[in-house]
Amino acid sequence: MTCPLLLVQAGRQPPRAAQWLDDLFTSFARGLATELAALARDRASITTTRIDATHEMVLETPDAVAALIAEFVRGLPCNAS
């Protein structure tokens, strides 16, 4: 049996003093988004999404994170009517 998995990517990067570091993290985020999309295409049990927050999304936007999780759980087969 495959367990459903929700992966949430931070949609914003925190500001950084060094431009090269900002460029590095921006490039990493772009590559990660590509990899996550491929993973979700290959495995039906994996759901990926982005949120308008930094890595500290749970502290920054707790209501939005909770809404994403609640929507995901409501969509699980065991909760389907």
N, C-alpha and C. Protein backbone atom coordinates (compact mmCIF):
# COMPACT_ATOMS: atom_id res chain seq x y z
N MET A 1 0.84 -1.17 0.00
CA MET A 1 0.00 0.00 0.00
C MET A 1 0.89 1.25 0.00
N THR A 2 0.45 2.27 -0.71
CA THR A 2 1.19 3.53 -0.80
C THR A 2 0.51 4.57 0.08
N CYS A 3 1.30 5.27 0.84
CA CYS A 3 0.77 6.28 1.75
C CYS A 3 0.74 7.64 1.05
N PRO A 4 -0.39 8.35 1.10
CA PRO A 4 -0.45 9.69 0.50
C PRO A 4 0.52 10.64 1.21
N LEU A 5 1.10 11.54 0.41
CA LEU A 5 2.09 12.47 0.93
C LEU A 5 1.84 13.85 0.34
N LEU A 6 1.81 14.86 1.19
CA LEU A 6 1.68 16.25 0.76
C LEU A 6 3.03 16.94 0.97
N LEU A 7 3.58 17.51 -0.09
CA LEU A 7 4.83 18.26 -0.02
C LEU A 7 4.52 19.72 -0.35
N VAL A 8 4.87 20.62 0.55
CA VAL A 8 4.60 22.05 0.35
C VAL A 8 5.92 22.78 0.22
N GLN A 9 6.09 23.46 -0.91
CA GLN A 9 7.32 24.23 -1.16
C GLN A 9 7.08 25.69 -0.83
N ALA A 10 8.05 26.30 -0.18
CA ALA A 10 7.99 27.73 0.10
C ALA A 10 8.07 28.49 -1.22
N GLY A 11 7.15 29.42 -1.43
CA GLY A 11 7.11 30.18 -2.67
C GLY A 11 7.94 31.45 -2.63
N ARG A 12 8.38 31.84 -1.47
CA ARG A 12 9.20 33.05 -1.33
C ARG A 12 10.50 32.71 -0.63
N GLN A 13 11.53 33.42 -1.00
CA GLN A 13 12.82 33.29 -0.34
C GLN A 13 13.01 34.49 0.58
N PRO A 14 13.58 34.29 1.75
CA PRO A 14 13.85 35.44 2.61
C PRO A 14 14.93 36.32 1.98
N PRO A 15 14.90 37.61 2.24
CA PRO A 15 15.95 38.48 1.68
C PRO A 15 17.32 38.11 2.23
N ARG A 16 18.30 38.19 1.37
CA ARG A 16 19.66 37.86 1.77
C ARG A 16 20.58 39.04 1.42
N ALA A 17 21.62 39.21 2.20
CA ALA A 17 22.56 40.32 2.00
C ALA A 17 23.38 40.14 0.74
N ALA A 18 23.79 38.92 0.47
CA ALA A 18 24.67 38.66 -0.68
C ALA A 18 23.84 38.25 -1.90
N GLN A 19 24.01 38.96 -3.00
CA GLN A 19 23.26 38.67 -4.23
C GLN A 19 23.54 37.25 -4.73
N TRP A 20 24.80 36.81 -4.62
CA TRP A 20 25.13 35.47 -5.11
C TRP A 20 24.36 34.40 -4.34
N LEU A 21 24.14 34.63 -3.04
CA LEU A 21 23.40 33.66 -2.24
C LEU A 21 21.92 33.67 -2.62
N ASP A 22 21.38 34.84 -2.87
CA ASP A 22 20.00 34.95 -3.32
C ASP A 22 19.83 34.23 -4.67
N ASP A 23 20.78 34.45 -5.58
CA ASP A 23 20.74 33.77 -6.88
C ASP A 23 20.81 32.25 -6.73
N LEU A 24 21.66 31.78 -5.82
CA LEU A 24 21.80 30.35 -5.57
C LEU A 24 20.49 29.75 -5.08
N PHE A 25 19.88 30.38 -4.09
CA PHE A 25 18.63 29.85 -3.54
C PHE A 25 17.47 29.95 -4.54
N THR A 26 17.46 30.99 -5.35
CA THR A 26 16.43 31.11 -6.38
C THR A 26 16.56 29.99 -7.39
N SER A 27 17.78 29.71 -7.80
CA SER A 27 18.02 28.62 -8.74
C SER A 27 17.66 27.27 -8.12
N PHE A 28 18.02 27.09 -6.87
CA PHE A 28 17.68 25.84 -6.17
C PHE A 28 16.16 25.66 -6.11
N ALA A 29 15.44 26.73 -5.77
CA ALA A 29 13.97 26.65 -5.67
C ALA A 29 13.35 26.30 -7.01
N ARG A 30 13.88 26.86 -8.08
CA ARG A 30 13.37 26.56 -9.42
C ARG A 30 13.60 25.09 -9.76
N GLY A 31 14.80 24.59 -9.47
CA GLY A 31 15.10 23.19 -9.73
C GLY A 31 14.27 22.25 -8.88
N LEU A 32 14.08 22.62 -7.62
CA LEU A 32 13.26 21.80 -6.72
C LEU A 32 11.83 21.73 -7.22
N ALA A 33 11.28 22.84 -7.68
CA ALA A 33 9.91 22.85 -8.20
C ALA A 33 9.78 21.90 -9.39
N THR A 34 10.78 21.89 -10.25
CA THR A 34 10.78 20.98 -11.41
C THR A 34 10.81 19.53 -10.95
N GLU A 35 11.68 19.24 -10.00
CA GLU A 35 11.79 17.87 -9.48
C GLU A 35 10.52 17.42 -8.77
N LEU A 36 9.92 18.31 -7.99
CA LEU A 36 8.69 17.95 -7.29
C LEU A 36 7.54 17.70 -8.27
N ALA A 37 7.47 18.50 -9.32
CA ALA A 37 6.42 18.29 -10.33
C ALA A 37 6.59 16.93 -11.00
N ALA A 38 7.83 16.56 -11.31
CA ALA A 38 8.09 15.25 -11.92
C ALA A 38 7.74 14.13 -10.96
N LEU A 39 8.07 14.30 -9.70
CA LEU A 39 7.75 13.30 -8.69
C LEU A 39 6.24 13.10 -8.58
N ALA A 40 5.49 14.19 -8.55
CA ALA A 40 4.04 14.10 -8.45
C ALA A 40 3.43 13.46 -9.70
N ARG A 41 4.02 13.70 -10.87
CA ARG A 41 3.53 13.06 -12.09
C ARG A 41 3.77 11.56 -12.06
N ASP A 42 4.90 11.15 -11.50
CA ASP A 42 5.28 9.73 -11.49
C ASP A 42 4.60 8.93 -10.38
N ARG A 43 4.19 9.59 -9.33
CA ARG A 43 3.60 8.90 -8.19
C ARG A 43 2.28 9.56 -7.79
N ALA A 44 1.21 8.86 -8.08
CA ALA A 44 -0.13 9.42 -7.83
C ALA A 44 -0.39 9.71 -6.36
N SER A 45 0.34 9.08 -5.47
CA SER A 45 0.11 9.27 -4.04
C SER A 45 0.77 10.54 -3.50
N ILE A 46 1.56 11.22 -4.34
CA ILE A 46 2.26 12.42 -3.89
C ILE A 46 1.61 13.65 -4.48
N THR A 47 1.29 14.59 -3.60
CA THR A 47 0.72 15.87 -4.00
C THR A 47 1.72 16.96 -3.64
N THR A 48 2.00 17.84 -4.59
CA THR A 48 2.91 18.95 -4.32
C THR A 48 2.19 20.27 -4.55
N THR A 49 2.57 21.26 -3.78
CA THR A 49 2.01 22.60 -3.94
C THR A 49 3.01 23.61 -3.42
N ARG A 50 2.76 24.87 -3.75
CA ARG A 50 3.61 25.97 -3.24
C ARG A 50 2.72 26.88 -2.42
N ILE A 51 3.35 27.58 -1.50
CA ILE A 51 2.63 28.52 -0.66
C ILE A 51 3.40 29.84 -0.67
N ASP A 52 2.68 30.94 -0.59
CA ASP A 52 3.30 32.26 -0.59
C ASP A 52 3.85 32.56 0.80
N ALA A 53 4.99 31.96 1.09
CA ALA A 53 5.66 32.13 2.38
C ALA A 53 7.09 31.64 2.23
N THR A 54 7.91 31.92 3.22
CA THR A 54 9.28 31.41 3.23
C THR A 54 9.28 30.03 3.89
N HIS A 55 10.47 29.52 4.12
CA HIS A 55 10.63 28.21 4.74
C HIS A 55 9.93 28.15 6.11
N GLU A 56 9.79 29.27 6.75
CA GLU A 56 9.11 29.31 8.06
C GLU A 56 7.61 29.50 7.90
N MET A 57 7.05 28.83 6.90
CA MET A 57 5.64 28.99 6.54
C MET A 57 4.68 28.73 7.69
N VAL A 58 5.00 27.79 8.55
CA VAL A 58 4.11 27.47 9.66
C VAL A 58 4.00 28.64 10.64
N LEU A 59 5.09 29.38 10.80
CA LEU A 59 5.07 30.56 11.67
C LEU A 59 4.49 31.78 10.96
N GLU A 60 4.78 31.92 9.67
CA GLU A 60 4.35 33.09 8.91
C GLU A 60 2.87 33.05 8.54
N THR A 61 2.42 31.91 8.07
CA THR A 61 1.04 31.80 7.56
C THR A 61 0.38 30.52 8.08
N PRO A 62 0.20 30.42 9.39
CA PRO A 62 -0.34 29.17 9.94
C PRO A 62 -1.73 28.83 9.41
N ASP A 63 -2.56 29.83 9.17
CA ASP A 63 -3.91 29.54 8.66
C ASP A 63 -3.86 28.97 7.25
N ALA A 64 -2.98 29.50 6.42
CA ALA A 64 -2.85 29.00 5.05
C ALA A 64 -2.31 27.58 5.04
N VAL A 65 -1.33 27.31 5.89
CA VAL A 65 -0.78 25.95 5.98
C VAL A 65 -1.85 24.98 6.48
N ALA A 66 -2.57 25.38 7.50
CA ALA A 66 -3.65 24.53 8.03
C ALA A 66 -4.71 24.27 6.96
N ALA A 67 -5.03 25.27 6.16
CA ALA A 67 -6.03 25.09 5.10
C ALA A 67 -5.53 24.11 4.04
N LEU A 68 -4.25 24.20 3.68
CA LEU A 68 -3.68 23.24 2.72
C LEU A 68 -3.77 21.81 3.25
N ILE A 69 -3.40 21.64 4.51
CA ILE A 69 -3.43 20.30 5.11
C ILE A 69 -4.86 19.79 5.21
N ALA A 70 -5.78 20.63 5.64
CA ALA A 70 -7.18 20.22 5.77
C ALA A 70 -7.76 19.82 4.41
N GLU A 71 -7.46 20.60 3.38
CA GLU A 71 -7.95 20.27 2.03
C GLU A 71 -7.37 18.94 1.56
N PHE A 72 -6.09 18.72 1.82
CA PHE A 72 -5.45 17.46 1.44
C PHE A 72 -6.10 16.28 2.15
N VAL A 73 -6.30 16.40 3.45
CA VAL A 73 -6.89 15.31 4.23
C VAL A 73 -8.33 15.04 3.79
N ARG A 74 -9.09 16.10 3.52
CA ARG A 74 -10.47 15.91 3.05
C ARG A 74 -10.51 15.16 1.73
N GLY A 75 -9.48 15.30 0.90
CA GLY A 75 -9.44 14.64 -0.38
C GLY A 75 -8.93 13.21 -0.37
N LEU A 76 -8.52 12.73 0.80
CA LEU A 76 -8.01 11.35 0.88
C LEU A 76 -9.15 10.35 0.65
N PRO A 77 -8.84 9.22 0.04
CA PRO A 77 -9.88 8.22 -0.26
C PRO A 77 -10.68 7.79 0.97
N CYS A 78 -10.06 7.73 2.12
CA CYS A 78 -10.78 7.30 3.31
C CYS A 78 -11.81 8.32 3.76
N ASN A 79 -11.70 9.57 3.26
CA ASN A 79 -12.64 10.62 3.62
C ASN A 79 -13.66 10.89 2.52
N ALA A 80 -13.51 10.21 1.37
CA ALA A 80 -14.43 10.44 0.25
C ALA A 80 -15.80 9.86 0.58
N SER A 81 -16.80 10.57 0.17
CA SER A 81 -18.19 10.11 0.44
C SER A 81 -18.66 9.16 -0.62
